[in-house]
C-alpha atoms as a PDB file:
ATOM      1  CA  MET A   1      -0.016   0.177  -0.003  1.00  0.00           C
ATOM      2  CA  LYS A   2       1.250   3.655  -0.891  1.00  0.00           C
ATOM      3  CA  GLU A   3       0.252   6.570   0.966  1.00  0.00           C
ATOM      4  CA  CYS A   4      -0.161   9.876  -0.737  1.00  0.00           C
ATOM      5  CA  LYS A   5      -0.713  13.201   0.472  1.00  0.00           C
ATOM      6  CA  GLY A   6      -2.621  16.047  -1.489  1.00  0.00           C
ATOM      7  CA  ILE A   7      -5.269  18.319  -1.442  1.00  0.00           C
ATOM      8  CA  PRO A   8      -8.641  16.651  -0.178  1.00  0.00           C
ATOM      9  CA  VAL A   9     -11.784  17.364  -1.928  1.00  0.00           C
ATOM     10  CA  SER A  10     -13.569  16.449   1.524  1.00  0.00           C
ATOM     11  CA  GLU A  11     -12.419  15.588   4.774  1.00  0.00           C
ATOM     12  CA  GLY A  12     -11.951  12.071   6.074  1.00  0.00           C
ATOM     13  CA  ILE A  13      -9.821   8.946   4.788  1.00  0.00           C
ATOM     14  CA  GLY A  14     -10.118   8.028   1.100  1.00  0.00           C
ATOM     15  CA  ILE A  15      -9.363   4.547  -0.174  1.00  0.00           C
ATOM     16  CA  GLY A  16      -9.290   3.721  -3.667  1.00  0.00           C
ATOM     17  CA  LYS A  17      -7.782   4.257  -7.268  1.00  0.00           C
ATOM     18  CA  ALA A  18      -5.639   7.608  -7.608  1.00  0.00           C
ATOM     19  CA  LYS A  19      -5.115   9.861 -10.472  1.00  0.00           C
ATOM     20  CA  PHE A  20      -1.899  11.795 -10.107  1.00  0.00           C
ATOM     21  CA  VAL A  21      -1.803  14.939 -12.321  1.00  0.00           C
ATOM     22  CA  THR A  22       0.984  16.733 -13.451  1.00  0.00           C
ATOM     23  CA  LYS A  23       1.876  19.978 -15.398  1.00  0.00           C
ATOM     24  CA  PRO A  24       3.338  18.754 -18.765  1.00  0.00           C
ATOM     25  CA  LYS A  25       6.368  20.526 -19.876  1.00  0.00           C
ATOM     26  CA  PHE A  26       6.203  21.908 -23.646  1.00  0.00           C
ATOM     27  CA  GLU A  27       9.089  22.925 -25.741  1.00  0.00           C
ATOM     28  CA  ILE A  28       8.247  24.110 -29.112  1.00  0.00           C
ATOM     29  CA  LYS A  29      11.615  24.747 -31.221  1.00  0.00           C
ATOM     30  CA  LYS A  30      10.891  27.077 -34.457  1.00  0.00           C
ATOM     31  CA  LYS A  31      12.374  25.386 -37.416  1.00  0.00           C
ATOM     32  CA  ASN A  32      12.731  26.732 -41.138  1.00  0.00           C
ATOM     33  CA  ILE A  33      11.885  24.360 -43.585  1.00  0.00           C
ATOM     34  CA  SER A  34      12.010  24.429 -47.279  1.00  0.00           C
ATOM     35  CA  GLU A  35       9.062  24.603 -49.867  1.00  0.00           C
ATOM     36  CA  GLU A  36       9.659  20.920 -50.729  1.00  0.00           C
ATOM     37  CA  GLU A  37       9.016  19.833 -46.830  1.00  0.00           C
ATOM     38  CA  VAL A  38       5.774  21.631 -46.699  1.00  0.00           C
ATOM     39  CA  ASP A  39       3.463  18.962 -47.612  1.00  0.00           C
ATOM     40  CA  SER A  40       5.220  16.341 -45.570  1.00  0.00           C
ATOM     41  CA  GLU A  41       5.160  18.408 -42.516  1.00  0.00           C
ATOM     42  CA  LEU A  42       1.535  19.190 -43.086  1.00  0.00           C
ATOM     43  CA  GLU A  43       0.647  15.512 -43.341  1.00  0.00           C
ATOM     44  CA  ARG A  44       2.911  14.922 -40.025  1.00  0.00           C
ATOM     45  CA  PHE A  45       1.226  17.676 -38.228  1.00  0.00           C
ATOM     46  CA  ASN A  46      -2.273  16.367 -39.467  1.00  0.00           C
ATOM     47  CA  THR A  47      -1.496  12.629 -38.200  1.00  0.00           C
ATOM     48  CA  ASN A  48      -0.343  13.832 -34.884  1.00  0.00           C
ATOM     49  CA  LEU A  49      -3.558  16.240 -34.568  1.00  0.00           C
ATOM     50  CA  GLU A  50      -5.738  13.186 -35.533  1.00  0.00           C
ATOM     51  CA  ASN A  51      -4.118  10.927 -32.907  1.00  0.00           C
ATOM     52  CA  VAL A  52      -4.221  13.539 -30.009  1.00  0.00           C
ATOM     53  CA  LEU A  53      -7.972  13.762 -30.875  1.00  0.00           C
ATOM     54  CA  GLN A  54      -8.468  10.076 -30.720  1.00  0.00           C
ATOM     55  CA  GLU A  55      -6.439   9.851 -27.215  1.00  0.00           C
ATOM     56  CA  MET A  56      -8.622  13.116 -25.950  1.00  0.00           C
ATOM     57  CA  ASP A  57     -11.772  10.982 -27.098  1.00  0.00           C
ATOM     58  CA  TYR A  58     -10.695   8.178 -25.543  1.00  0.00           C
ATOM     59  CA  LEU A  59      -9.802   9.813 -22.327  1.00  0.00           C
ATOM     60  CA  ILE A  60     -13.233  11.951 -22.336  1.00  0.00           C
ATOM     61  CA  GLN A  61     -15.246   8.652 -22.588  1.00  0.00           C
ATOM     62  CA  ASN A  62     -12.994   6.394 -20.183  1.00  0.00           C
ATOM     63  CA  PHE A  63     -12.327   8.895 -17.175  1.00  0.00           C
END
């Protein structure tokens, strides 16, 4: 058993599953690309955007 301390939403002792929430660390790097790379970068962006949307849908439905 693991004991954790945090900010309670009500008084008393809580037993059950816990969700740990941390602030993500984002690092955005600017990068120049050539005209030839634009289409592949847009495709990469759209693919990653679709993946994020699917993950968000999953999280919304399951938590």
